[in-house]
Full PDB file with SEQRES, HELIX, SHEET, SSBOND, CRYST1, ORIGX, SCALE, CONECT and MASTER records, all heavy atoms in Angstrom:
SEQRES   1 A   34  LEU SER CYS ALA ALA SER GLY SER ILE PHE ARG ILE ASN          
SEQRES   2 A   34  PHE MET GLY TRP TYR ARG GLN ALA PRO GLY LYS GLN ARG          
SEQRES   3 A   34  GLU LEU VAL ALA ASN ILE THR ILE                              
SHEET    1 AA1 2 PHE A  14  ARG A  19  0                                        
SHEET    2 AA1 2 GLU A  27  THR A  33 -1                                        
CRYST1    1.000    1.000    1.000  90.00  90.00  90.00 P 1           1          
ORIGX1      1.000000  0.000000  0.000000        0.00000                         
ORIGX2      0.000000  1.000000  0.000000        0.00000                         
ORIGX3      0.000000  0.000000  1.000000        0.00000                         
SCALE1      1.000000  0.000000  0.000000        0.00000                         
SCALE2      0.000000  1.000000  0.000000        0.00000                         
SCALE3      0.000000  0.000000  1.000000        0.00000                         
ATOM      1  N   LEU A   1     -93.162 -90.175 -60.005  1.00  0.00           N  
ATOM      2  CA  LEU A   1     -94.431 -89.470 -59.908  1.00  0.00           C  
ATOM      3  C   LEU A   1     -95.452 -90.109 -60.829  1.00  0.00           C  
ATOM      4  O   LEU A   1     -95.104 -90.554 -61.934  1.00  0.00           O  
ATOM      5  CB  LEU A   1     -94.285 -88.000 -60.247  1.00  0.00           C  
ATOM      6  CG  LEU A   1     -93.213 -87.194 -59.469  1.00  0.00           C  
ATOM      7  CD1 LEU A   1     -93.273 -85.731 -59.906  1.00  0.00           C  
ATOM      8  CD2 LEU A   1     -93.434 -87.342 -57.977  1.00  0.00           C  
ATOM      9  N   SER A   2     -96.707 -90.146 -60.436  1.00  0.00           N  
ATOM     10  CA  SER A   2     -97.805 -90.640 -61.246  1.00  0.00           C  
ATOM     11  C   SER A   2     -98.899 -89.588 -61.323  1.00  0.00           C  
ATOM     12  O   SER A   2     -99.117 -88.820 -60.380  1.00  0.00           O  
ATOM     13  CB  SER A   2     -98.389 -91.927 -60.683  1.00  0.00           C  
ATOM     14  OG  SER A   2     -97.398 -92.949 -60.626  1.00  0.00           O  
ATOM     15  N   CYS A   3     -99.608 -89.554 -62.441  1.00  0.00           N  
ATOM     16  CA  CYS A   3    -100.735 -88.652 -62.627  1.00  0.00           C  
ATOM     17  C   CYS A   3    -101.819 -89.403 -63.354  1.00  0.00           C  
ATOM     18  O   CYS A   3    -101.617 -89.808 -64.526  1.00  0.00           O  
ATOM     19  CB  CYS A   3    -100.301 -87.392 -63.392  1.00  0.00           C  
ATOM     20  SG  CYS A   3    -101.680 -86.318 -63.814  1.00  0.00           S  
ATOM     21  N   ALA A   4    -102.952 -89.581 -62.725  1.00  0.00           N  
ATOM     22  CA  ALA A   4    -104.084 -90.278 -63.306  1.00  0.00           C  
ATOM     23  C   ALA A   4    -105.198 -89.315 -63.648  1.00  0.00           C  
ATOM     24  O   ALA A   4    -105.619 -88.506 -62.808  1.00  0.00           O  
ATOM     25  CB  ALA A   4    -104.603 -91.338 -62.341  1.00  0.00           C  
ATOM     26  N   ALA A   5    -105.682 -89.375 -64.881  1.00  0.00           N  
ATOM     27  CA  ALA A   5    -106.775 -88.545 -65.339  1.00  0.00           C  
ATOM     28  C   ALA A   5    -108.093 -89.339 -65.326  1.00  0.00           C  
ATOM     29  O   ALA A   5    -108.089 -90.515 -65.766  1.00  0.00           O  
ATOM     30  CB  ALA A   5    -106.518 -87.989 -66.740  1.00  0.00           C  
ATOM     31  N   SER A   6    -109.146 -88.717 -64.930  1.00  0.00           N  
ATOM     32  CA  SER A   6    -110.463 -89.378 -64.904  1.00  0.00           C  
ATOM     33  C   SER A   6    -111.526 -88.371 -65.344  1.00  0.00           C  
ATOM     34  O   SER A   6    -111.382 -87.173 -65.193  1.00  0.00           O  
ATOM     35  CB  SER A   6    -110.777 -89.954 -63.551  1.00  0.00           C  
ATOM     36  OG  SER A   6    -110.848 -88.928 -62.560  1.00  0.00           O  
ATOM     37  N   GLY A   7    -112.637 -88.909 -65.853  1.00  0.00           N  
ATOM     38  CA  GLY A   7    -113.735 -88.093 -66.283  1.00  0.00           C  
ATOM     39  C   GLY A   7    -114.163 -88.419 -67.728  1.00  0.00           C  
ATOM     40  O   GLY A   7    -113.849 -89.494 -68.225  1.00  0.00           O  
ATOM     41  N   SER A   8    -114.882 -87.505 -68.326  1.00  0.00           N  
ATOM     42  CA  SER A   8    -115.399 -87.703 -69.699  1.00  0.00           C  
ATOM     43  C   SER A   8    -114.317 -87.374 -70.704  1.00  0.00           C  
ATOM     44  O   SER A   8    -114.306 -86.304 -71.320  1.00  0.00           O  
ATOM     45  CB  SER A   8    -116.649 -86.852 -69.897  1.00  0.00           C  
ATOM     46  OG  SER A   8    -117.669 -87.187 -69.026  1.00  0.00           O  
ATOM     47  N   ILE A   9    -113.409 -88.292 -70.903  1.00  0.00           N  
ATOM     48  CA  ILE A   9    -112.254 -88.108 -71.770  1.00  0.00           C  
ATOM     49  C   ILE A   9    -112.364 -89.051 -72.990  1.00  0.00           C  
ATOM     50  O   ILE A   9    -112.493 -90.240 -72.861  1.00  0.00           O  
ATOM     51  CB  ILE A   9    -110.928 -88.413 -71.047  1.00  0.00           C  
ATOM     52  CG1 ILE A   9    -110.808 -87.528 -69.808  1.00  0.00           C  
ATOM     53  CG2 ILE A   9    -109.743 -88.213 -72.000  1.00  0.00           C  
ATOM     54  CD1 ILE A   9    -109.627 -87.900 -68.923  1.00  0.00           C  
ATOM     55  N   PHE A  10    -112.295 -88.436 -74.165  1.00  0.00           N  
ATOM     56  CA  PHE A  10    -112.259 -89.221 -75.408  1.00  0.00           C  
ATOM     57  C   PHE A  10    -110.830 -89.618 -75.732  1.00  0.00           C  
ATOM     58  O   PHE A  10    -110.563 -90.758 -76.065  1.00  0.00           O  
ATOM     59  CB  PHE A  10    -112.905 -88.434 -76.575  1.00  0.00           C  
ATOM     60  CG  PHE A  10    -112.854 -89.195 -77.859  1.00  0.00           C  
ATOM     61  CD1 PHE A  10    -113.756 -90.221 -78.112  1.00  0.00           C  
ATOM     62  CD2 PHE A  10    -111.943 -88.855 -78.852  1.00  0.00           C  
ATOM     63  CE1 PHE A  10    -113.728 -90.909 -79.306  1.00  0.00           C  
ATOM     64  CE2 PHE A  10    -111.909 -89.546 -80.052  1.00  0.00           C  
ATOM     65  CZ  PHE A  10    -112.821 -90.561 -80.310  1.00  0.00           C  
ATOM     66  N   ARG A  11    -109.942 -88.661 -75.659  1.00  0.00           N  
ATOM     67  CA  ARG A  11    -108.540 -88.911 -75.955  1.00  0.00           C  
ATOM     68  C   ARG A  11    -107.673 -87.792 -75.357  1.00  0.00           C  
ATOM     69  O   ARG A  11    -107.969 -86.625 -75.468  1.00  0.00           O  
ATOM     70  CB  ARG A  11    -108.299 -88.954 -77.488  1.00  0.00           C  
ATOM     71  CG  ARG A  11    -106.876 -89.340 -77.868  1.00  0.00           C  
ATOM     72  CD  ARG A  11    -106.730 -89.327 -79.385  1.00  0.00           C  
ATOM     73  NE  ARG A  11    -106.827 -87.979 -79.914  1.00  0.00           N  
ATOM     74  CZ  ARG A  11    -107.127 -87.665 -81.143  1.00  0.00           C  
ATOM     75  NH1 ARG A  11    -107.381 -88.633 -82.039  1.00  0.00           N  
ATOM     76  NH2 ARG A  11    -107.175 -86.397 -81.559  1.00  0.00           N  
ATOM     77  N   ILE A  12    -106.574 -88.200 -74.730  1.00  0.00           N  
ATOM     78  CA  ILE A  12    -105.569 -87.249 -74.266  1.00  0.00           C  
ATOM     79  C   ILE A  12    -104.470 -87.158 -75.266  1.00  0.00           C  
ATOM     80  O   ILE A  12    -103.770 -88.115 -75.542  1.00  0.00           O  
ATOM     81  CB  ILE A  12    -105.018 -87.678 -72.896  1.00  0.00           C  
ATOM     82  CG1 ILE A  12    -106.107 -87.728 -71.820  1.00  0.00           C  
ATOM     83  CG2 ILE A  12    -103.898 -86.718 -72.469  1.00  0.00           C  
ATOM     84  CD1 ILE A  12    -105.634 -88.166 -70.466  1.00  0.00           C  
ATOM     85  N   ASN A  13    -104.313 -85.955 -75.864  1.00  0.00           N  
ATOM     86  CA  ASN A  13    -103.310 -85.783 -76.909  1.00  0.00           C  
ATOM     87  C   ASN A  13    -101.901 -85.561 -76.347  1.00  0.00           C  
ATOM     88  O   ASN A  13    -100.912 -86.092 -76.871  1.00  0.00           O  
ATOM     89  CB  ASN A  13    -103.707 -84.628 -77.816  1.00  0.00           C  
ATOM     90  CG  ASN A  13    -104.944 -84.899 -78.630  1.00  0.00           C  
ATOM     91  OD1 ASN A  13    -105.232 -86.039 -79.021  1.00  0.00           O  
ATOM     92  ND2 ASN A  13    -105.725 -83.850 -78.893  1.00  0.00           N  
ATOM     93  N   PHE A  14    -101.820 -84.759 -75.296  1.00  0.00           N  
ATOM     94  CA  PHE A  14    -100.557 -84.435 -74.681  1.00  0.00           C  
ATOM     95  C   PHE A  14    -100.674 -84.540 -73.158  1.00  0.00           C  
ATOM     96  O   PHE A  14    -101.703 -84.169 -72.598  1.00  0.00           O  
ATOM     97  CB  PHE A  14    -100.093 -83.000 -75.007  1.00  0.00           C  
ATOM     98  CG  PHE A  14     -99.849 -82.761 -76.483  1.00  0.00           C  
ATOM     99  CD1 PHE A  14    -100.883 -82.300 -77.281  1.00  0.00           C  
ATOM    100  CD2 PHE A  14     -98.602 -82.989 -77.041  1.00  0.00           C  
ATOM    101  CE1 PHE A  14    -100.671 -82.046 -78.634  1.00  0.00           C  
ATOM    102  CE2 PHE A  14     -98.388 -82.754 -78.390  1.00  0.00           C  
ATOM    103  CZ  PHE A  14     -99.417 -82.285 -79.188  1.00  0.00           C  
ATOM    104  N   MET A  15     -99.654 -85.024 -72.532  1.00  0.00           N  
ATOM    105  CA  MET A  15     -99.557 -84.991 -71.078  1.00  0.00           C  
ATOM    106  C   MET A  15     -98.142 -84.535 -70.722  1.00  0.00           C  
ATOM    107  O   MET A  15     -97.195 -84.846 -71.433  1.00  0.00           O  
ATOM    108  CB  MET A  15     -99.846 -86.323 -70.431  1.00  0.00           C  
ATOM    109  CG  MET A  15    -101.268 -86.836 -70.649  1.00  0.00           C  
ATOM    110  SD  MET A  15    -101.684 -88.273 -69.671  1.00  0.00           S  
ATOM    111  CE  MET A  15    -102.005 -87.521 -68.053  1.00  0.00           C  
ATOM    112  N   GLY A  16     -98.023 -83.812 -69.629  1.00  0.00           N  
ATOM    113  CA  GLY A  16     -96.717 -83.304 -69.251  1.00  0.00           C  
ATOM    114  C   GLY A  16     -96.585 -83.016 -67.751  1.00  0.00           C  
ATOM    115  O   GLY A  16     -97.575 -83.014 -67.050  1.00  0.00           O  
ATOM    116  N   TRP A  17     -95.342 -82.795 -67.386  1.00  0.00           N  
ATOM    117  CA  TRP A  17     -94.991 -82.423 -66.035  1.00  0.00           C  
ATOM    118  C   TRP A  17     -94.361 -81.050 -66.017  1.00  0.00           C  
ATOM    119  O   TRP A  17     -93.468 -80.783 -66.836  1.00  0.00           O  
ATOM    120  CB  TRP A  17     -94.075 -83.438 -65.349  1.00  0.00           C  
ATOM    121  CG  TRP A  17     -94.709 -84.731 -65.051  1.00  0.00           C  
ATOM    122  CD1 TRP A  17     -94.702 -85.880 -65.817  1.00  0.00           C  
ATOM    123  CD2 TRP A  17     -95.491 -85.054 -63.874  1.00  0.00           C  
ATOM    124  NE1 TRP A  17     -95.425 -86.873 -65.192  1.00  0.00           N  
ATOM    125  CE2 TRP A  17     -95.912 -86.406 -64.012  1.00  0.00           C  
ATOM    126  CE3 TRP A  17     -95.856 -84.324 -62.742  1.00  0.00           C  
ATOM    127  CZ2 TRP A  17     -96.687 -87.020 -63.046  1.00  0.00           C  
ATOM    128  CZ3 TRP A  17     -96.648 -84.958 -61.783  1.00  0.00           C  
ATOM    129  CH2 TRP A  17     -97.029 -86.284 -61.937  1.00  0.00           C  
ATOM    130  N   TYR A  18     -94.785 -80.196 -65.109  1.00  0.00           N  
ATOM    131  CA  TYR A  18     -94.188 -78.895 -64.896  1.00  0.00           C  
ATOM    132  C   TYR A  18     -93.835 -78.780 -63.436  1.00  0.00           C  
ATOM    133  O   TYR A  18     -94.296 -79.540 -62.582  1.00  0.00           O  
ATOM    134  CB  TYR A  18     -95.202 -77.806 -65.261  1.00  0.00           C  
ATOM    135  CG  TYR A  18     -95.553 -77.775 -66.736  1.00  0.00           C  
ATOM    136  CD1 TYR A  18     -96.387 -78.741 -67.269  1.00  0.00           C  
ATOM    137  CD2 TYR A  18     -95.047 -76.777 -67.594  1.00  0.00           C  
ATOM    138  CE1 TYR A  18     -96.729 -78.706 -68.627  1.00  0.00           C  
ATOM    139  CE2 TYR A  18     -95.383 -76.768 -68.931  1.00  0.00           C  
ATOM    140  CZ  TYR A  18     -96.214 -77.743 -69.447  1.00  0.00           C  
ATOM    141  OH  TYR A  18     -96.544 -77.709 -70.768  1.00  0.00           O  
ATOM    142  N   ARG A  19     -92.966 -77.824 -63.111  1.00  0.00           N  
ATOM    143  CA  ARG A  19     -92.602 -77.620 -61.706  1.00  0.00           C  
ATOM    144  C   ARG A  19     -92.449 -76.124 -61.416  1.00  0.00           C  
ATOM    145  O   ARG A  19     -92.145 -75.329 -62.275  1.00  0.00           O  
ATOM    146  CB  ARG A  19     -91.302 -78.389 -61.361  1.00  0.00           C  
ATOM    147  CG  ARG A  19     -90.052 -77.858 -62.051  1.00  0.00           C  
ATOM    148  CD  ARG A  19     -88.881 -78.765 -61.760  1.00  0.00           C  
ATOM    149  NE  ARG A  19     -87.634 -78.307 -62.343  1.00  0.00           N  
ATOM    150  CZ  ARG A  19     -86.501 -78.962 -62.339  1.00  0.00           C  
ATOM    151  NH1 ARG A  19     -86.423 -80.144 -61.731  1.00  0.00           N  
ATOM    152  NH2 ARG A  19     -85.408 -78.467 -62.899  1.00  0.00           N  
ATOM    153  N   GLN A  20     -92.644 -75.799 -60.147  1.00  0.00           N  
ATOM    154  CA  GLN A  20     -92.496 -74.436 -59.691  1.00  0.00           C  
ATOM    155  C   GLN A  20     -91.831 -74.407 -58.340  1.00  0.00           C  
ATOM    156  O   GLN A  20     -92.352 -74.965 -57.367  1.00  0.00           O  
ATOM    157  CB  GLN A  20     -93.852 -73.734 -59.633  1.00  0.00           C  
ATOM    158  CG  GLN A  20     -93.787 -72.245 -59.328  1.00  0.00           C  
ATOM    159  CD  GLN A  20     -95.072 -71.521 -59.576  1.00  0.00           C  
ATOM    160  OE1 GLN A  20     -96.149 -72.128 -59.625  1.00  0.00           O  
ATOM    161  NE2 GLN A  20     -95.025 -70.225 -59.751  1.00  0.00           N  
ATOM    162  N   ALA A  21     -90.643 -73.781 -58.275  1.00  0.00           N  
ATOM    163  CA  ALA A  21     -89.912 -73.635 -57.064  1.00  0.00           C  
ATOM    164  C   ALA A  21     -90.242 -72.274 -56.404  1.00  0.00           C  
ATOM    165  O   ALA A  21     -90.693 -71.375 -57.102  1.00  0.00           O  
ATOM    166  CB  ALA A  21     -88.400 -73.726 -57.314  1.00  0.00           C  
ATOM    167  N   PRO A  22     -90.029 -72.156 -55.099  1.00  0.00           N  
ATOM    168  CA  PRO A  22     -90.330 -70.873 -54.437  1.00  0.00           C  
ATOM    169  C   PRO A  22     -89.582 -69.722 -55.095  1.00  0.00           C  
ATOM    170  O   PRO A  22     -88.387 -69.774 -55.344  1.00  0.00           O  
ATOM    171  CB  PRO A  22     -89.834 -71.075 -53.014  1.00  0.00           C  
ATOM    172  CG  PRO A  22     -89.943 -72.557 -52.825  1.00  0.00           C  
ATOM    173  CD  PRO A  22     -89.593 -73.177 -54.133  1.00  0.00           C  
ATOM    174  N   GLY A  23     -90.311 -68.639 -55.418  1.00  0.00           N  
ATOM    175  CA  GLY A  23     -89.714 -67.460 -56.026  1.00  0.00           C  
ATOM    176  C   GLY A  23     -89.443 -67.597 -57.517  1.00  0.00           C  
ATOM    177  O   GLY A  23     -88.862 -66.648 -58.092  1.00  0.00           O  
ATOM    178  N   LYS A  24     -89.824 -68.684 -58.125  1.00  0.00           N  
ATOM    179  CA  LYS A  24     -89.598 -68.888 -59.545  1.00  0.00           C  
ATOM    180  C   LYS A  24     -90.922 -69.140 -60.288  1.00  0.00           C  
ATOM    181  O   LYS A  24     -91.888 -69.556 -59.680  1.00  0.00           O  
ATOM    182  CB  LYS A  24     -88.627 -70.043 -59.797  1.00  0.00           C  
ATOM    183  CG  LYS A  24     -87.225 -69.849 -59.227  1.00  0.00           C  
ATOM    184  CD  LYS A  24     -86.325 -70.988 -59.599  1.00  0.00           C  
ATOM    185  CE  LYS A  24     -84.924 -70.776 -59.097  1.00  0.00           C  
ATOM    186  NZ  LYS A  24     -83.995 -71.891 -59.449  1.00  0.00           N  
ATOM    187  N   GLN A  25     -90.890 -68.920 -61.584  1.00  0.00           N  
ATOM    188  CA  GLN A  25     -92.099 -69.186 -62.394  1.00  0.00           C  
ATOM    189  C   GLN A  25     -92.169 -70.674 -62.754  1.00  0.00           C  
ATOM    190  O   GLN A  25     -91.159 -71.392 -62.706  1.00  0.00           O  
ATOM    191  CB  GLN A  25     -92.113 -68.332 -63.640  1.00  0.00           C  
ATOM    192  CG  GLN A  25     -90.970 -68.604 -64.618  1.00  0.00           C  
ATOM    193  CD  GLN A  25     -90.978 -67.647 -65.772  1.00  0.00           C  
ATOM    194  OE1 GLN A  25     -91.236 -66.445 -65.629  1.00  0.00           O  
ATOM    195  NE2 GLN A  25     -90.674 -68.142 -66.984  1.00  0.00           N  
ATOM    196  N   ARG A  26     -93.378 -71.118 -63.091  1.00  0.00           N  
ATOM    197  CA  ARG A  26     -93.571 -72.516 -63.457  1.00  0.00           C  
ATOM    198  C   ARG A  26     -92.838 -72.800 -64.780  1.00  0.00           C  
ATOM    199  O   ARG A  26     -92.865 -71.989 -65.710  1.00  0.00           O  
ATOM    200  CB  ARG A  26     -95.056 -72.788 -63.593  1.00  0.00           C  
ATOM    201  CG  ARG A  26     -95.364 -74.259 -63.804  1.00  0.00           C  
ATOM    202  CD  ARG A  26     -96.896 -74.519 -63.778  1.00  0.00           C  
ATOM    203  NE  ARG A  26     -97.467 -74.108 -62.517  1.00  0.00           N  
ATOM    204  CZ  ARG A  26     -98.750 -74.282 -62.185  1.00  0.00           C  
ATOM    205  NH1 ARG A  26     -99.582 -74.880 -63.023  1.00  0.00           N  
ATOM    206  NH2 ARG A  26     -99.211 -73.876 -61.006  1.00  0.00           N  
ATOM    207  N   GLU A  27     -92.176 -73.953 -64.830  1.00  0.00           N  
ATOM    208  CA  GLU A  27     -91.423 -74.321 -65.986  1.00  0.00           C  
ATOM    209  C   GLU A  27     -91.709 -75.747 -66.435  1.00  0.00           C  
ATOM    210  O   GLU A  27     -92.106 -76.605 -65.619  1.00  0.00           O  
ATOM    211  CB  GLU A  27     -89.907 -74.184 -65.722  1.00  0.00           C  
ATOM    212  CG  GLU A  27     -89.393 -75.112 -64.646  1.00  0.00           C  
ATOM    213  CD  GLU A  27     -87.905 -74.994 -64.426  1.00  0.00           C  
ATOM    214  OE1 GLU A  27     -87.286 -74.051 -64.968  1.00  0.00           O  
ATOM    215  OE2 GLU A  27     -87.331 -75.840 -63.683  1.00  0.00           O  
ATOM    216  N   LEU A  28     -91.551 -76.014 -67.702  1.00  0.00           N  
ATOM    217  CA  LEU A  28     -91.711 -77.331 -68.265  1.00  0.00           C  
ATOM    218  C   LEU A  28     -90.629 -78.262 -67.748  1.00  0.00           C  
ATOM    219  O   LEU A  28     -89.448 -77.889 -67.744  1.00  0.00           O  
ATOM    220  CB  LEU A  28     -91.714 -77.276 -69.776  1.00  0.00           C  
ATOM    221  CG  LEU A  28     -91.670 -78.649 -70.511  1.00  0.00           C  
ATOM    222  CD1 LEU A  28     -92.999 -79.379 -70.367  1.00  0.00           C  
ATOM    223  CD2 LEU A  28     -91.302 -78.486 -71.975  1.00  0.00           C  
ATOM    224  N   VAL A  29     -90.996 -79.474 -67.367  1.00  0.00           N  
ATOM    225  CA  VAL A  29     -90.070 -80.536 -67.057  1.00  0.00           C  
ATOM    226  C   VAL A  29     -89.970 -81.517 -68.228  1.00  0.00           C  
ATOM    227  O   VAL A  29     -88.886 -81.788 -68.739  1.00  0.00           O  
ATOM    228  CB  VAL A  29     -90.449 -81.278 -65.754  1.00  0.00           C  
ATOM    229  CG1 VAL A  29     -89.491 -82.424 -65.477  1.00  0.00           C  
ATOM    230  CG2 VAL A  29     -90.481 -80.322 -64.579  1.00  0.00           C  
ATOM    231  N   ALA A  30     -91.120 -82.062 -68.619  1.00  0.00           N  
ATOM    232  CA  ALA A  30     -91.152 -83.010 -69.724  1.00  0.00           C  
ATOM    233  C   ALA A  30     -92.586 -83.149 -70.189  1.00  0.00           C  
ATOM    234  O   ALA A  30     -93.512 -82.971 -69.432  1.00  0.00           O  
ATOM    235  CB  ALA A  30     -90.603 -84.363 -69.320  1.00  0.00           C  
ATOM    236  N   ASN A  31     -92.785 -83.488 -71.479  1.00  0.00           N  
ATOM    237  CA  ASN A  31     -94.109 -83.824 -71.952  1.00  0.00           C  
ATOM    238  C   ASN A  31     -94.023 -84.955 -72.961  1.00  0.00           C  
ATOM    239  O   ASN A  31     -92.951 -85.309 -73.433  1.00  0.00           O  
ATOM    240  CB  ASN A  31     -94.841 -82.605 -72.543  1.00  0.00           C  
ATOM    241  CG  ASN A  31     -94.110 -81.885 -73.619  1.00  0.00           C  
ATOM    242  OD1 ASN A  31     -93.299 -82.482 -74.353  1.00  0.00           O  
ATOM    243  ND2 ASN A  31     -94.356 -80.585 -73.779  1.00  0.00           N  
ATOM    244  N   ILE A  32     -95.188 -85.519 -73.268  1.00  0.00           N  
ATOM    245  CA  ILE A  32     -95.238 -86.683 -74.135  1.00  0.00           C  
ATOM    246  C   ILE A  32     -96.516 -86.676 -74.941  1.00  0.00           C  
ATOM    247  O   ILE A  32     -97.596 -86.290 -74.449  1.00  0.00           O  
ATOM    248  CB  ILE A  32     -95.132 -87.991 -73.284  1.00  0.00           C  
ATOM    249  CG1 ILE A  32     -95.011 -89.221 -74.176  1.00  0.00           C  
ATOM    250  CG2 ILE A  32     -96.284 -88.103 -72.313  1.00  0.00           C  
ATOM    251  CD1 ILE A  32     -94.615 -90.496 -73.406  1.00  0.00           C  
ATOM    252  N   THR A  33     -96.439 -87.067 -76.205  1.00  0.00           N  
ATOM    253  CA  THR A  33     -97.605 -87.140 -77.089  1.00  0.00           C  
ATOM    254  C   THR A  33     -98.288 -88.504 -77.008  1.00  0.00           C  
ATOM    255  O   THR A  33     -97.757 -89.419 -76.407  1.00  0.00           O  
ATOM    256  CB  THR A  33     -97.215 -86.852 -78.556  1.00  0.00           C  
ATOM    257  OG1 THR A  33     -96.451 -87.961 -79.046  1.00  0.00           O  
ATOM    258  CG2 THR A  33     -96.383 -85.591 -78.656  1.00  0.00           C  
ATOM    259  N   ILE A  34     -99.450 -88.618 -77.621  1.00  0.00           N  
ATOM    260  CA  ILE A  34    -100.170 -89.887 -77.621  1.00  0.00           C  
ATOM    261  C   ILE A  34     -99.352 -90.947 -78.347  1.00  0.00           C  
ATOM    262  O   ILE A  34     -99.466 -92.158 -78.006  1.00  0.00           O  
ATOM    263  CB  ILE A  34    -101.550 -89.735 -78.297  1.00  0.00           C  
ATOM    264  CG1 ILE A  34    -102.410 -90.962 -78.066  1.00  0.00           C  
ATOM    265  CG2 ILE A  34    -101.406 -89.410 -79.782  1.00  0.00           C  
ATOM    266  CD1 ILE A  34    -103.836 -90.803 -78.504  1.00  0.00           C  
TER     267      ILE A  34                                                      
MASTER        0    0    0    0    2    0    0    6  266    1    0    3          
END                                                                             
């Protein structure tokens, strides 16, 4: 999976992936710092 951010960004401190299955709440998959 890829995720590209665009716009007026000075710095992205954290980026992460979350997932949500049917009938379940959204949960953290992984994140990463700068």
